[in-house]
Amino acid sequence: MSEESTPRPATQLPKPKGWKLLCALPEVEDKFSGTDLLKPDSLAKVEEYSTTVLCVLELGSDAYKDEGKFPNGPWCKKGDFVLVRAYSGTRFKIHGQEFRLINDDQVEAVVEDPRGYTRA
C-alpha cells in the first residue's frame, strides 16, 4: 500500500473562530447492532452525513459569551457529546475523517453516552 493511500490520523485541526464549535463525528459502526451483518457502504455514508451526535473538540473564543442569549452560561464544554439537528454545520474531512464547525446555539442537548443514538 502506498503512503498516499494509507489512512492517517487528522492533524492540524482548524481553530474555530468566534461563536463556532469544532466537532468530530463518533465512528459509525460497520455492522448492524447485535449482529455480524455488515452495513452497505452507502448506508454507512448516510449515517455519517446525517448524524445527530457530535463530540466537541474546541470552542471558539466568543462561544457562549453572549450573556443575553446564554444567561445560564455555556450549553456544553470541550469533550461533551452533543445532540444537533441532522446535517448541521460546515462539513469537512481531514485524511478521510469528517469534522464539523457548528454555531454555539445549534447544540440542542448534551448526552452522556453517544452509543445507540440514531436519526429518527
PDB file of N, CA and C in Angstrom:
ATOM      1  N   MET A   1       0.856  -1.181   0.000  1.00  0.00           N
ATOM      2  CA  MET A   1       0.000   0.000   0.000  1.00  0.00           C
ATOM      3  C   MET A   1       0.899   1.240   0.000  1.00  0.00           C
ATOM      4  N   SER A   2       0.624   2.175  -0.876  1.00  0.00           N
ATOM      5  CA  SER A   2       1.455   3.369  -0.955  1.00  0.00           C
ATOM      6  C   SER A   2       1.175   4.290   0.219  1.00  0.00           C
ATOM      7  N   GLU A   3       2.121   5.179   0.496  1.00  0.00           N
ATOM      8  CA  GLU A   3       1.970   6.117   1.610  1.00  0.00           C
ATOM      9  C   GLU A   3       0.766   7.023   1.417  1.00  0.00           C
ATOM     10  N   GLU A   4       0.447   7.365   0.158  1.00  0.00           N
ATOM     11  CA  GLU A   4      -0.678   8.256  -0.124  1.00  0.00           C
ATOM     12  C   GLU A   4      -2.022   7.608   0.188  1.00  0.00           C
ATOM     13  N   SER A   5      -2.130   6.275   0.046  1.00  0.00           N
ATOM     14  CA  SER A   5      -3.410   5.620   0.275  1.00  0.00           C
ATOM     15  C   SER A   5      -3.546   5.089   1.703  1.00  0.00           C
ATOM     16  N   THR A   6      -2.493   5.188   2.516  1.00  0.00           N
ATOM     17  CA  THR A   6      -2.571   4.747   3.903  1.00  0.00           C
ATOM     18  C   THR A   6      -3.304   5.790   4.723  1.00  0.00           C
ATOM     19  N   PRO A   7      -4.384   5.385   5.429  1.00  0.00           N
ATOM     20  CA  PRO A   7      -5.112   6.360   6.246  1.00  0.00           C
ATOM     21  C   PRO A   7      -4.199   6.940   7.321  1.00  0.00           C
ATOM     22  N   ARG A   8      -4.306   8.248   7.526  1.00  0.00           N
ATOM     23  CA  ARG A   8      -3.519   8.918   8.555  1.00  0.00           C
ATOM     24  C   ARG A   8      -4.475   9.626   9.497  1.00  0.00           C
ATOM     25  N   PRO A   9      -4.087   9.751  10.761  1.00  0.00           N
ATOM     26  CA  PRO A   9      -4.961  10.496  11.683  1.00  0.00           C
ATOM     27  C   PRO A   9      -4.998  11.967  11.304  1.00  0.00           C
ATOM     28  N   ALA A  10      -6.111  12.607  11.620  1.00  0.00           N
ATOM     29  CA  ALA A  10      -6.253  14.032  11.329  1.00  0.00           C
ATOM     30  C   ALA A  10      -5.259  14.829  12.173  1.00  0.00           C
ATOM     31  N   THR A  11      -4.567  15.723  11.536  1.00  0.00           N
ATOM     32  CA  THR A  11      -3.632  16.606  12.227  1.00  0.00           C
ATOM     33  C   THR A  11      -3.930  18.028  11.810  1.00  0.00           C
ATOM     34  N   GLN A  12      -3.374  18.959  12.550  1.00  0.00           N
ATOM     35  CA  GLN A  12      -3.529  20.374  12.235  1.00  0.00           C
ATOM     36  C   GLN A  12      -5.000  20.754  12.071  1.00  0.00           C
ATOM     37  N   LEU A  13      -5.783  20.429  13.084  1.00  0.00           N
ATOM     38  CA  LEU A  13      -7.200  20.778  13.047  1.00  0.00           C
ATOM     39  C   LEU A  13      -7.357  22.293  13.025  1.00  0.00           C
ATOM     40  N   PRO A  14      -8.370  22.786  12.332  1.00  0.00           N
ATOM     41  CA  PRO A  14      -8.583  24.236  12.306  1.00  0.00           C
ATOM     42  C   PRO A  14      -9.007  24.738  13.683  1.00  0.00           C
ATOM     43  N   LYS A  15      -8.664  25.954  13.989  1.00  0.00           N
ATOM     44  CA  LYS A  15      -9.054  26.587  15.251  1.00  0.00           C
ATOM     45  C   LYS A  15     -10.368  27.308  15.003  1.00  0.00           C
ATOM     46  N   PRO A  16     -11.440  26.918  15.711  1.00  0.00           N
ATOM     47  CA  PRO A  16     -12.718  27.601  15.489  1.00  0.00           C
ATOM     48  C   PRO A  16     -12.636  29.063  15.919  1.00  0.00           C
ATOM     49  N   LYS A  17     -13.276  29.918  15.179  1.00  0.00           N
ATOM     50  CA  LYS A  17     -13.271  31.358  15.463  1.00  0.00           C
ATOM     51  C   LYS A  17     -14.658  31.802  15.886  1.00  0.00           C
ATOM     52  N   GLY A  18     -14.708  32.908  16.617  1.00  0.00           N
ATOM     53  CA  GLY A  18     -15.988  33.479  17.004  1.00  0.00           C
ATOM     54  C   GLY A  18     -16.806  32.522  17.831  1.00  0.00           C
ATOM     55  N   TRP A  19     -18.067  32.354  17.452  1.00  0.00           N
ATOM     56  CA  TRP A  19     -19.004  31.531  18.215  1.00  0.00           C
ATOM     57  C   TRP A  19     -19.073  30.090  17.724  1.00  0.00           C
ATOM     58  N   LYS A  20     -18.122  29.672  16.901  1.00  0.00           N
ATOM     59  CA  LYS A  20     -18.135  28.315  16.329  1.00  0.00           C
ATOM     60  C   LYS A  20     -17.556  27.277  17.293  1.00  0.00           C
ATOM     61  N   LEU A  21     -18.036  26.032  17.148  1.00  0.00           N
ATOM     62  CA  LEU A  21     -17.524  24.878  17.874  1.00  0.00           C
ATOM     63  C   LEU A  21     -16.989  23.890  16.850  1.00  0.00           C
ATOM     64  N   LEU A  22     -15.783  23.389  17.079  1.00  0.00           N
ATOM     65  CA  LEU A  22     -15.216  22.346  16.232  1.00  0.00           C
ATOM     66  C   LEU A  22     -15.613  21.005  16.830  1.00  0.00           C
ATOM     67  N   CYS A  23     -16.237  20.166  16.005  1.00  0.00           N
ATOM     68  CA  CYS A  23     -16.744  18.881  16.477  1.00  0.00           C
ATOM     69  C   CYS A  23     -16.274  17.750  15.575  1.00  0.00           C
ATOM     70  N   ALA A  24     -16.133  16.569  16.180  1.00  0.00           N
ATOM     71  CA  ALA A  24     -15.808  15.352  15.437  1.00  0.00           C
ATOM     72  C   ALA A  24     -17.028  14.444  15.458  1.00  0.00           C
ATOM     73  N   LEU A  25     -17.127  13.598  14.455  1.00  0.00           N
ATOM     74  CA  LEU A  25     -18.201  12.616  14.401  1.00  0.00           C
ATOM     75  C   LEU A  25     -17.750  11.353  15.101  1.00  0.00           C
ATOM     76  N   PRO A  26     -18.602  10.784  15.965  1.00  0.00           N
ATOM     77  CA  PRO A  26     -18.264   9.467  16.517  1.00  0.00           C
ATOM     78  C   PRO A  26     -18.180   8.481  15.359  1.00  0.00           C
ATOM     79  N   GLU A  27     -17.377   7.447  15.518  1.00  0.00           N
ATOM     80  CA  GLU A  27     -17.245   6.465  14.443  1.00  0.00           C
ATOM     81  C   GLU A  27     -18.560   5.738  14.226  1.00  0.00           C
ATOM     82  N   VAL A  28     -18.919   5.575  12.962  1.00  0.00           N
ATOM     83  CA  VAL A  28     -20.129   4.846  12.583  1.00  0.00           C
ATOM     84  C   VAL A  28     -19.792   3.359  12.615  1.00  0.00           C
ATOM     85  N   GLU A  29     -20.653   2.588  13.275  1.00  0.00           N
ATOM     86  CA  GLU A  29     -20.426   1.145  13.340  1.00  0.00           C
ATOM     87  C   GLU A  29     -20.624   0.530  11.958  1.00  0.00           C
ATOM     88  N   ASP A  30     -19.742  -0.421  11.600  1.00  0.00           N
ATOM     89  CA  ASP A  30     -19.829  -1.028  10.275  1.00  0.00           C
ATOM     90  C   ASP A  30     -20.759  -2.237  10.232  1.00  0.00           C
ATOM     91  N   LYS A  31     -21.291  -2.639  11.413  1.00  0.00           N
ATOM     92  CA  LYS A  31     -22.215  -3.776  11.467  1.00  0.00           C
ATOM     93  C   LYS A  31     -23.534  -3.315  12.075  1.00  0.00           C
ATOM     94  N   PHE A  32     -24.605  -4.006  11.706  1.00  0.00           N
ATOM     95  CA  PHE A  32     -25.903  -3.740  12.313  1.00  0.00           C
ATOM     96  C   PHE A  32     -25.837  -4.154  13.778  1.00  0.00           C
ATOM     97  N   SER A  33     -26.458  -3.377  14.638  1.00  0.00           N
ATOM     98  CA  SER A  33     -26.429  -3.604  16.080  1.00  0.00           C
ATOM     99  C   SER A  33     -26.855  -5.019  16.450  1.00  0.00           C
ATOM    100  N   GLY A  34     -26.015  -5.697  17.229  1.00  0.00           N
ATOM    101  CA  GLY A  34     -26.339  -7.031  17.717  1.00  0.00           C
ATOM    102  C   GLY A  34     -26.159  -8.143  16.716  1.00  0.00           C
ATOM    103  N   THR A  35     -25.557  -7.833  15.549  1.00  0.00           N
ATOM    104  CA  THR A  35     -25.369  -8.870  14.522  1.00  0.00           C
ATOM    105  C   THR A  35     -23.948  -8.816  13.981  1.00  0.00           C
ATOM    106  N   ASP A  36     -23.630  -9.786  13.148  1.00  0.00           N
ATOM    107  CA  ASP A  36     -22.355  -9.785  12.428  1.00  0.00           C
ATOM    108  C   ASP A  36     -22.538  -9.323  10.984  1.00  0.00           C
ATOM    109  N   LEU A  37     -23.753  -8.826  10.657  1.00  0.00           N
ATOM    110  CA  LEU A  37     -24.040  -8.373   9.298  1.00  0.00           C
ATOM    111  C   LEU A  37     -23.420  -7.007   9.047  1.00  0.00           C
ATOM    112  N   LEU A  38     -22.647  -6.915   7.978  1.00  0.00           N
ATOM    113  CA  LEU A  38     -22.022  -5.645   7.610  1.00  0.00           C
ATOM    114  C   LEU A  38     -23.029  -4.723   6.944  1.00  0.00           C
ATOM    115  N   LYS A  39     -22.927  -3.448   7.267  1.00  0.00           N
ATOM    116  CA  LYS A  39     -23.778  -2.439   6.614  1.00  0.00           C
ATOM    117  C   LYS A  39     -23.193  -2.121   5.238  1.00  0.00           C
ATOM    118  N   PRO A  40     -24.038  -1.862   4.252  1.00  0.00           N
ATOM    119  CA  PRO A  40     -23.525  -1.423   2.957  1.00  0.00           C
ATOM    120  C   PRO A  40     -22.828  -0.065   3.119  1.00  0.00           C
ATOM    121  N   ASP A  41     -21.812   0.187   2.324  1.00  0.00           N
ATOM    122  CA  ASP A  41     -21.089   1.460   2.382  1.00  0.00           C
ATOM    123  C   ASP A  41     -22.028   2.650   2.219  1.00  0.00           C
ATOM    124  N   SER A  42     -23.024   2.511   1.346  1.00  0.00           N
ATOM    125  CA  SER A  42     -23.951   3.625   1.101  1.00  0.00           C
ATOM    126  C   SER A  42     -24.736   3.972   2.367  1.00  0.00           C
ATOM    127  N   LEU A  43     -25.127   2.978   3.150  1.00  0.00           N
ATOM    128  CA  LEU A  43     -25.855   3.227   4.393  1.00  0.00           C
ATOM    129  C   LEU A  43     -24.934   3.868   5.434  1.00  0.00           C
ATOM    130  N   ALA A  44     -23.706   3.396   5.518  1.00  0.00           N
ATOM    131  CA  ALA A  44     -22.747   3.976   6.464  1.00  0.00           C
ATOM    132  C   ALA A  44     -22.511   5.454   6.142  1.00  0.00           C
ATOM    133  N   LYS A  45     -22.439   5.799   4.866  1.00  0.00           N
ATOM    134  CA  LYS A  45     -22.239   7.197   4.462  1.00  0.00           C
ATOM    135  C   LYS A  45     -23.442   8.059   4.845  1.00  0.00           C
ATOM    136  N   VAL A  46     -24.638   7.549   4.630  1.00  0.00           N
ATOM    137  CA  VAL A  46     -25.849   8.299   5.004  1.00  0.00           C
ATOM    138  C   VAL A  46     -25.853   8.532   6.510  1.00  0.00           C
ATOM    139  N   GLU A  47     -25.522   7.503   7.289  1.00  0.00           N
ATOM    140  CA  GLU A  47     -25.484   7.655   8.744  1.00  0.00           C
ATOM    141  C   GLU A  47     -24.440   8.690   9.156  1.00  0.00           C
ATOM    142  N   GLU A  48     -23.296   8.699   8.475  1.00  0.00           N
ATOM    143  CA  GLU A  48     -22.239   9.668   8.784  1.00  0.00           C
ATOM    144  C   GLU A  48     -22.704  11.088   8.473  1.00  0.00           C
ATOM    145  N   TYR A  49     -23.264  11.304   7.293  1.00  0.00           N
ATOM    146  CA  TYR A  49     -23.692  12.646   6.876  1.00  0.00           C
ATOM    147  C   TYR A  49     -24.816  13.188   7.743  1.00  0.00           C
ATOM    148  N   SER A  50     -25.739  12.305   8.134  1.00  0.00           N
ATOM    149  CA  SER A  50     -26.937  12.770   8.839  1.00  0.00           C
ATOM    150  C   SER A  50     -26.856  12.569  10.348  1.00  0.00           C
ATOM    151  N   THR A  51     -25.674  12.277  10.864  1.00  0.00           N
ATOM    152  CA  THR A  51     -25.549  12.022  12.295  1.00  0.00           C
ATOM    153  C   THR A  51     -26.071  13.196  13.119  1.00  0.00           C
ATOM    154  N   THR A  52     -26.603  12.870  14.279  1.00  0.00           N
ATOM    155  CA  THR A  52     -27.135  13.911  15.160  1.00  0.00           C
ATOM    156  C   THR A  52     -26.312  14.054  16.431  1.00  0.00           C
ATOM    157  N   VAL A  53     -25.276  13.227  16.607  1.00  0.00           N
ATOM    158  CA  VAL A  53     -24.421  13.315  17.787  1.00  0.00           C
ATOM    159  C   VAL A  53     -22.994  13.644  17.349  1.00  0.00           C
ATOM    160  N   LEU A  54     -22.419  14.653  17.988  1.00  0.00           N
ATOM    161  CA  LEU A  54     -21.058  15.097  17.700  1.00  0.00           C
ATOM    162  C   LEU A  54     -20.273  15.195  18.999  1.00  0.00           C
ATOM    163  N   CYS A  55     -18.959  15.129  18.906  1.00  0.00           N
ATOM    164  CA  CYS A  55     -18.085  15.313  20.064  1.00  0.00           C
ATOM    165  C   CYS A  55     -17.412  16.679  19.935  1.00  0.00           C
ATOM    166  N   VAL A  56     -17.546  17.519  20.947  1.00  0.00           N
ATOM    167  CA  VAL A  56     -16.978  18.867  20.927  1.00  0.00           C
ATOM    168  C   VAL A  56     -15.471  18.779  21.179  1.00  0.00           C
ATOM    169  N   LEU A  57     -14.687  19.260  20.209  1.00  0.00           N
ATOM    170  CA  LEU A  57     -13.237  19.246  20.331  1.00  0.00           C
ATOM    171  C   LEU A  57     -12.677  20.581  20.815  1.00  0.00           C
ATOM    172  N   GLU A  58     -13.300  21.665  20.375  1.00  0.00           N
ATOM    173  CA  GLU A  58     -12.768  23.004  20.684  1.00  0.00           C
ATOM    174  C   GLU A  58     -13.875  24.029  20.529  1.00  0.00           C
ATOM    175  N   LEU A  59     -13.828  25.072  21.351  1.00  0.00           N
ATOM    176  CA  LEU A  59     -14.786  26.169  21.274  1.00  0.00           C
ATOM    177  C   LEU A  59     -14.079  27.432  20.813  1.00  0.00           C
ATOM    178  N   GLY A  60     -14.724  28.192  19.936  1.00  0.00           N
ATOM    179  CA  GLY A  60     -14.195  29.478  19.511  1.00  0.00           C
ATOM    180  C   GLY A  60     -14.169  30.461  20.679  1.00  0.00           C
ATOM    181  N   SER A  61     -13.389  31.504  20.553  1.00  0.00           N
ATOM    182  CA  SER A  61     -13.189  32.448  21.655  1.00  0.00           C
ATOM    183  C   SER A  61     -14.461  33.176  22.075  1.00  0.00           C
ATOM    184  N   ASP A  62     -15.439  33.300  21.194  1.00  0.00           N
ATOM    185  CA  ASP A  62     -16.682  34.001  21.531  1.00  0.00           C
ATOM    186  C   ASP A  62     -17.847  33.060  21.818  1.00  0.00           C
ATOM    187  N   ALA A  63     -17.614  31.749  21.775  1.00  0.00           N
ATOM    188  CA  ALA A  63     -18.693  30.793  22.008  1.00  0.00           C
ATOM    189  C   ALA A  63     -19.257  30.976  23.418  1.00  0.00           C
ATOM    190  N   TYR A  64     -20.559  31.116  23.487  1.00  0.00           N
ATOM    191  CA  TYR A  64     -21.312  31.251  24.735  1.00  0.00           C
ATOM    192  C   TYR A  64     -20.974  32.502  25.535  1.00  0.00           C
ATOM    193  N   LYS A  65     -20.423  33.520  24.906  1.00  0.00           N
ATOM    194  CA  LYS A  65     -20.089  34.773  25.607  1.00  0.00           C
ATOM    195  C   LYS A  65     -21.257  35.752  25.629  1.00  0.00           C
ATOM    196  N   ASP A  66     -22.252  35.544  24.776  1.00  0.00           N
ATOM    197  CA  ASP A  66     -23.407  36.441  24.727  1.00  0.00           C
ATOM    198  C   ASP A  66     -24.324  36.134  25.911  1.00  0.00           C
ATOM    199  N   GLU A  67     -24.216  36.940  26.969  1.00  0.00           N
ATOM    200  CA  GLU A  67     -24.979  36.693  28.195  1.00  0.00           C
ATOM    201  C   GLU A  67     -26.489  36.853  27.990  1.00  0.00           C
ATOM    202  N   GLY A  68     -26.885  37.659  27.012  1.00  0.00           N
ATOM    203  CA  GLY A  68     -28.303  37.789  26.711  1.00  0.00           C
ATOM    204  C   GLY A  68     -28.871  36.520  26.107  1.00  0.00           C
ATOM    205  N   LYS A  69     -28.080  35.870  25.275  1.00  0.00           N
ATOM    206  CA  LYS A  69     -28.506  34.646  24.604  1.00  0.00           C
ATOM    207  C   LYS A  69     -28.295  33.409  25.492  1.00  0.00           C
ATOM    208  N   PHE A  70     -27.267  33.448  26.328  1.00  0.00           N
ATOM    209  CA  PHE A  70     -26.908  32.311  27.182  1.00  0.00           C
ATOM    210  C   PHE A  70     -26.825  32.762  28.641  1.00  0.00           C
ATOM    211  N   PRO A  71     -27.955  33.184  29.234  1.00  0.00           N
ATOM    212  CA  PRO A  71     -27.921  33.735  30.593  1.00  0.00           C
ATOM    213  C   PRO A  71     -27.471  32.730  31.657  1.00  0.00           C
ATOM    214  N   ASN A  72     -27.600  31.456  31.367  1.00  0.00           N
ATOM    215  CA  ASN A  72     -27.186  30.425  32.327  1.00  0.00           C
ATOM    216  C   ASN A  72     -25.811  29.850  32.021  1.00  0.00           C
ATOM    217  N   GLY A  73     -25.084  30.486  31.108  1.00  0.00           N
ATOM    218  CA  GLY A  73     -23.743  30.024  30.769  1.00  0.00           C
ATOM    219  C   GLY A  73     -23.728  29.058  29.597  1.00  0.00           C
ATOM    220  N   PRO A  74     -22.565  28.478  29.337  1.00  0.00           N
ATOM    221  CA  PRO A  74     -22.389  27.593  28.183  1.00  0.00           C
ATOM    222  C   PRO A  74     -23.307  26.375  28.233  1.00  0.00           C
ATOM    223  N   TRP A  75     -23.751  25.956  27.062  1.00  0.00           N
ATOM    224  CA  TRP A  75     -24.601  24.779  26.943  1.00  0.00           C
ATOM    225  C   TRP A  75     -23.790  23.489  26.918  1.00  0.00           C
ATOM    226  N   CYS A  76     -22.467  23.594  26.599  1.00  0.00           N
ATOM    227  CA  CYS A  76     -21.611  22.422  26.551  1.00  0.00           C
ATOM    228  C   CYS A  76     -20.163  22.853  26.752  1.00  0.00           C
ATOM    229  N   LYS A  77     -19.291  21.869  26.859  1.00  0.00           N
ATOM    230  CA  LYS A  77     -17.862  22.154  27.011  1.00  0.00           C
ATOM    231  C   LYS A  77     -17.063  21.170  26.153  1.00  0.00           C
ATOM    232  N   LYS A  78     -15.775  21.430  26.049  1.00  0.00           N
ATOM    233  CA  LYS A  78     -14.878  20.554  25.310  1.00  0.00           C
ATOM    234  C   LYS A  78     -14.975  19.143  25.886  1.00  0.00           C
ATOM    235  N   GLY A  79     -15.117  18.158  24.997  1.00  0.00           N
ATOM    236  CA  GLY A  79     -15.212  16.770  25.407  1.00  0.00           C
ATOM    237  C   GLY A  79     -16.634  16.241  25.519  1.00  0.00           C
ATOM    238  N   ASP A  80     -17.623  17.131  25.506  1.00  0.00           N
ATOM    239  CA  ASP A  80     -19.024  16.704  25.588  1.00  0.00           C
ATOM    240  C   ASP A  80     -19.493  16.102  24.270  1.00  0.00           C
ATOM    241  N   PHE A  81     -20.414  15.141  24.357  1.00  0.00           N
ATOM    242  CA  PHE A  81     -21.149  14.668  23.196  1.00  0.00           C
ATOM    243  C   PHE A  81     -22.439  15.470  23.158  1.00  0.00           C
ATOM    244  N   VAL A  82     -22.719  16.065  22.017  1.00  0.00           N
ATOM    245  CA  VAL A  82     -23.885  16.940  21.897  1.00  0.00           C
ATOM    246  C   VAL A  82     -24.822  16.436  20.809  1.00  0.00           C
ATOM    247  N   LEU A  83     -26.091  16.724  21.022  1.00  0.00           N
ATOM    248  CA  LEU A  83     -27.131  16.382  20.059  1.00  0.00           C
ATOM    249  C   LEU A  83     -27.422  17.627  19.233  1.00  0.00           C
ATOM    250  N   VAL A  84     -27.373  17.483  17.909  1.00  0.00           N
ATOM    251  CA  VAL A  84     -27.643  18.580  16.979  1.00  0.00           C
ATOM    252  C   VAL A  84     -28.607  18.086  15.915  1.00  0.00           C
ATOM    253  N   ARG A  85     -29.139  19.000  15.129  1.00  0.00           N
ATOM    254  CA  ARG A  85     -30.000  18.589  14.021  1.00  0.00           C
ATOM    255  C   ARG A  85     -29.161  17.909  12.941  1.00  0.00           C
ATOM    256  N   ALA A  86     -29.781  16.979  12.232  1.00  0.00           N
ATOM    257  CA  ALA A  86     -29.098  16.277  11.149  1.00  0.00           C
ATOM    258  C   ALA A  86     -28.577  17.282  10.127  1.00  0.00           C
ATOM    259  N   TYR A  87     -27.434  17.017   9.578  1.00  0.00           N
ATOM    260  CA  TYR A  87     -26.792  17.823   8.537  1.00  0.00           C
ATOM    261  C   TYR A  87     -26.342  19.201   9.042  1.00  0.00           C
ATOM    262  N   SER A  88     -26.244  19.401  10.362  1.00  0.00           N
ATOM    263  CA  SER A  88     -25.832  20.703  10.911  1.00  0.00           C
ATOM    264  C   SER A  88     -24.377  21.009  10.608  1.00  0.00           C
ATOM    265  N   GLY A  89     -24.108  22.287  10.456  1.00  0.00           N
ATOM    266  CA  GLY A  89     -22.742  22.781  10.400  1.00  0.00           C
ATOM    267  C   GLY A  89     -22.064  22.695   9.053  1.00  0.00           C
ATOM    268  N   THR A  90     -20.826  23.153   9.073  1.00  0.00           N
ATOM    269  CA  THR A  90     -19.948  23.101   7.907  1.00  0.00           C
ATOM    270  C   THR A  90     -19.161  21.803   7.988  1.00  0.00           C
ATOM    271  N   ARG A  91     -19.382  20.924   7.011  1.00  0.00           N
ATOM    272  CA  ARG A  91     -18.731  19.617   6.994  1.00  0.00           C
ATOM    273  C   ARG A  91     -17.429  19.694   6.221  1.00  0.00           C
ATOM    274  N   PHE A  92     -16.388  19.018   6.757  1.00  0.00           N
ATOM    275  CA  PHE A  92     -15.126  18.900   6.030  1.00  0.00           C
ATOM    276  C   PHE A  92     -14.395  17.664   6.520  1.00  0.00           C
ATOM    277  N   LYS A  93     -13.463  17.184   5.703  1.00  0.00           N
ATOM    278  CA  LYS A  93     -12.688  15.995   6.062  1.00  0.00           C
ATOM    279  C   LYS A  93     -11.204  16.322   6.071  1.00  0.00           C
ATOM    280  N   ILE A  94     -10.495  15.661   6.987  1.00  0.00           N
ATOM    281  CA  ILE A  94      -9.034  15.710   7.030  1.00  0.00           C
ATOM    282  C   ILE A  94      -8.580  14.261   7.043  1.00  0.00           C
ATOM    283  N   HIS A  95      -7.827  13.854   6.015  1.00  0.00           N
ATOM    284  CA  HIS A  95      -7.362  12.473   5.876  1.00  0.00           C
ATOM    285  C   HIS A  95      -8.508  11.480   6.028  1.00  0.00           C
ATOM    286  N   GLY A  96      -9.666  11.802   5.445  1.00  0.00           N
ATOM    287  CA  GLY A  96     -10.800  10.894   5.440  1.00  0.00           C
ATOM    288  C   GLY A  96     -11.685  10.938   6.674  1.00  0.00           C
ATOM    289  N   GLN A  97     -11.285  11.659   7.712  1.00  0.00           N
ATOM    290  CA  GLN A  97     -12.105  11.764   8.916  1.00  0.00           C
ATOM    291  C   GLN A  97     -12.921  13.045   8.856  1.00  0.00           C
ATOM    292  N   GLU A  98     -14.245  12.921   9.077  1.00  0.00           N
ATOM    293  CA  GLU A  98     -15.130  14.083   8.975  1.00  0.00           C
ATOM    294  C   GLU A  98     -15.194  14.861  10.283  1.00  0.00           C
ATOM    295  N   PHE A  99     -15.240  16.181  10.128  1.00  0.00           N
ATOM    296  CA  PHE A  99     -15.400  17.113  11.239  1.00  0.00           C
ATOM    297  C   PHE A  99     -16.491  18.098  10.858  1.00  0.00           C
ATOM    298  N   ARG A 100     -16.980  18.845  11.843  1.00  0.00           N
ATOM    299  CA  ARG A 100     -17.977  19.882  11.582  1.00  0.00           C
ATOM    300  C   ARG A 100     -17.672  21.112  12.407  1.00  0.00           C
ATOM    301  N   LEU A 101     -17.983  22.258  11.835  1.00  0.00           N
ATOM    302  CA  LEU A 101     -17.995  23.520  12.565  1.00  0.00           C
ATOM    303  C   LEU A 101     -19.459  23.896  12.711  1.00  0.00           C
ATOM    304  N   ILE A 102     -19.916  24.043  13.961  1.00  0.00           N
ATOM    305  CA  ILE A 102     -21.303  24.405  14.203  1.00  0.00           C
ATOM    306  C   ILE A 102     -21.353  25.683  15.028  1.00  0.00           C
ATOM    307  N   ASN A 103     -22.487  26.359  15.001  1.00  0.00           N
ATOM    308  CA  ASN A 103     -22.698  27.538  15.841  1.00  0.00           C
ATOM    309  C   ASN A 103     -22.970  27.085  17.268  1.00  0.00           C
ATOM    310  N   ASP A 104     -22.607  27.914  18.231  1.00  0.00           N
ATOM    311  CA  ASP A 104     -22.827  27.555  19.635  1.00  0.00           C
ATOM    312  C   ASP A 104     -24.301  27.303  19.945  1.00  0.00           C
ATOM    313  N   ASP A 105     -25.202  27.992  19.265  1.00  0.00           N
ATOM    314  CA  ASP A 105     -26.625  27.813  19.557  1.00  0.00           C
ATOM    315  C   ASP A 105     -27.267  26.651  18.799  1.00  0.00           C
ATOM    316  N   GLN A 106     -26.477  25.869  18.057  1.00  0.00           N
ATOM    317  CA  GLN A 106     -27.014  24.695  17.374  1.00  0.00           C
ATOM    318  C   GLN A 106     -27.029  23.462  18.282  1.00  0.00           C
ATOM    319  N   VAL A 107     -26.422  23.565  19.456  1.00  0.00           N
ATOM    320  CA  VAL A 107     -26.433  22.458  20.413  1.00  0.00           C
ATOM    321  C   VAL A 107     -27.825  22.375  21.020  1.00  0.00           C
ATOM    322  N   GLU A 108     -28.447  21.222  20.923  1.00  0.00           N
ATOM    323  CA  GLU A 108     -29.790  21.044  21.457  1.00  0.00           C
ATOM    324  C   GLU A 108     -29.804  20.258  22.762  1.00  0.00           C
ATOM    325  N   ALA A 109     -28.764  19.452  23.018  1.00  0.00           N
ATOM    326  CA  ALA A 109     -28.678  18.686  24.263  1.00  0.00           C
ATOM    327  C   ALA A 109     -27.269  18.130  24.401  1.00  0.00           C
ATOM    328  N   VAL A 110     -26.909  17.778  25.617  1.00  0.00           N
ATOM    329  CA  VAL A 110     -25.665  17.067  25.897  1.00  0.00           C
ATOM    330  C   VAL A 110     -26.062  15.646  26.267  1.00  0.00           C
ATOM    331  N   VAL A 111     -25.353  14.656  25.720  1.00  0.00           N
ATOM    332  CA  VAL A 111     -25.659  13.257  26.002  1.00  0.00           C
ATOM    333  C   VAL A 111     -24.473  12.600  26.701  1.00  0.00           C
ATOM    334  N   GLU A 112     -24.778  11.752  27.670  1.00  0.00           N
ATOM    335  CA  GLU A 112     -23.733  11.054  28.421  1.00  0.00           C
ATOM    336  C   GLU A 112     -22.977  10.076  27.534  1.00  0.00           C
ATOM    337  N   ASP A 113     -23.731   9.259  26.782  1.00  0.00           N
ATOM    338  CA  ASP A 113     -23.156   8.171  26.008  1.00  0.00           C
ATOM    339  C   ASP A 113     -23.743   8.221  24.593  1.00  0.00           C
ATOM    340  N   PRO A 114     -22.917   8.442  23.592  1.00  0.00           N
ATOM    341  CA  PRO A 114     -23.443   8.594  22.227  1.00  0.00           C
ATOM    342  C   PRO A 114     -23.877   7.288  21.571  1.00  0.00           C
ATOM    343  N   ARG A 115     -23.529   6.165  22.153  1.00  0.00           N
ATOM    344  CA  ARG A 115     -23.886   4.875  21.540  1.00  0.00           C
ATOM    345  C   ARG A 115     -25.390   4.690  21.530  1.00  0.00           C
ATOM    346  N   GLY A 116     -25.893   4.192  20.436  1.00  0.00           N
ATOM    347  CA  GLY A 116     -27.313   3.881  20.328  1.00  0.00           C
ATOM    348  C   GLY A 116     -28.165   5.001  19.750  1.00  0.00           C
ATOM    349  N   TYR A 117     -27.616   6.217  19.660  1.00  0.00           N
ATOM    350  CA  TYR A 117     -28.396   7.322  19.086  1.00  0.00           C
ATOM    351  C   TYR A 117     -28.406   7.188  17.571  1.00  0.00           C
ATOM    352  N   THR A 118     -29.586   7.262  16.990  1.00  0.00           N
ATOM    353  CA  THR A 118     -29.722   7.275  15.540  1.00  0.00           C
ATOM    354  C   THR A 118     -30.753   8.324  15.172  1.00  0.00           C
ATOM    355  N   ARG A 119     -30.696   8.756  13.950  1.00  0.00           N
ATOM    356  CA  ARG A 119     -31.659   9.739  13.458  1.00  0.00           C
ATOM    357  C   ARG A 119     -32.990   9.044  13.225  1.00  0.00           C
ATOM    358  N   ALA A 120     -34.065   9.629  13.697  1.00  0.00           N
ATOM    359  CA  ALA A 120     -35.398   9.023  13.550  1.00  0.00           C
ATOM    360  C   ALA A 120     -36.029   9.436  12.234  1.00  0.00           C
TER     361      ALA A 120
END
